[in-house]
Amino acid sequence: MGCRRVAMSIDAHGSGLTAVVAHAGCAGNPADHEEQWRQLAESADYLAESFPGLSILGLWVDERWSVSPSYGLGPVGEAGAAVDK
């Protein structure tokens, strides 16, 4: 379902950047911090394979609602480069 929406955003709006966001205390995904970081990387890789040329930014929102980049593909970061935790 998510890929369909990304494709729609690219087709309808010419989107060239998308963000994947994870946050502490997620009720829908109660995985620990390390697991969520791994999931962010996997999600970004999946989107990069599905939509070549799309820039992807992974974001982590901590317990204090501070946002940190965690992953980038394309112009926003080097391919596959996870940001230090």
Foldseek 3Di string as FASTA:
>chain_A
DVVVVVVCCCVVPVAQEDEAEDEPPDPVDPDDPVVVLVVRLVVQVVVCVVDPRRKYWYWYQYPVRDIDTFDIDDPVDDPSDGDDD
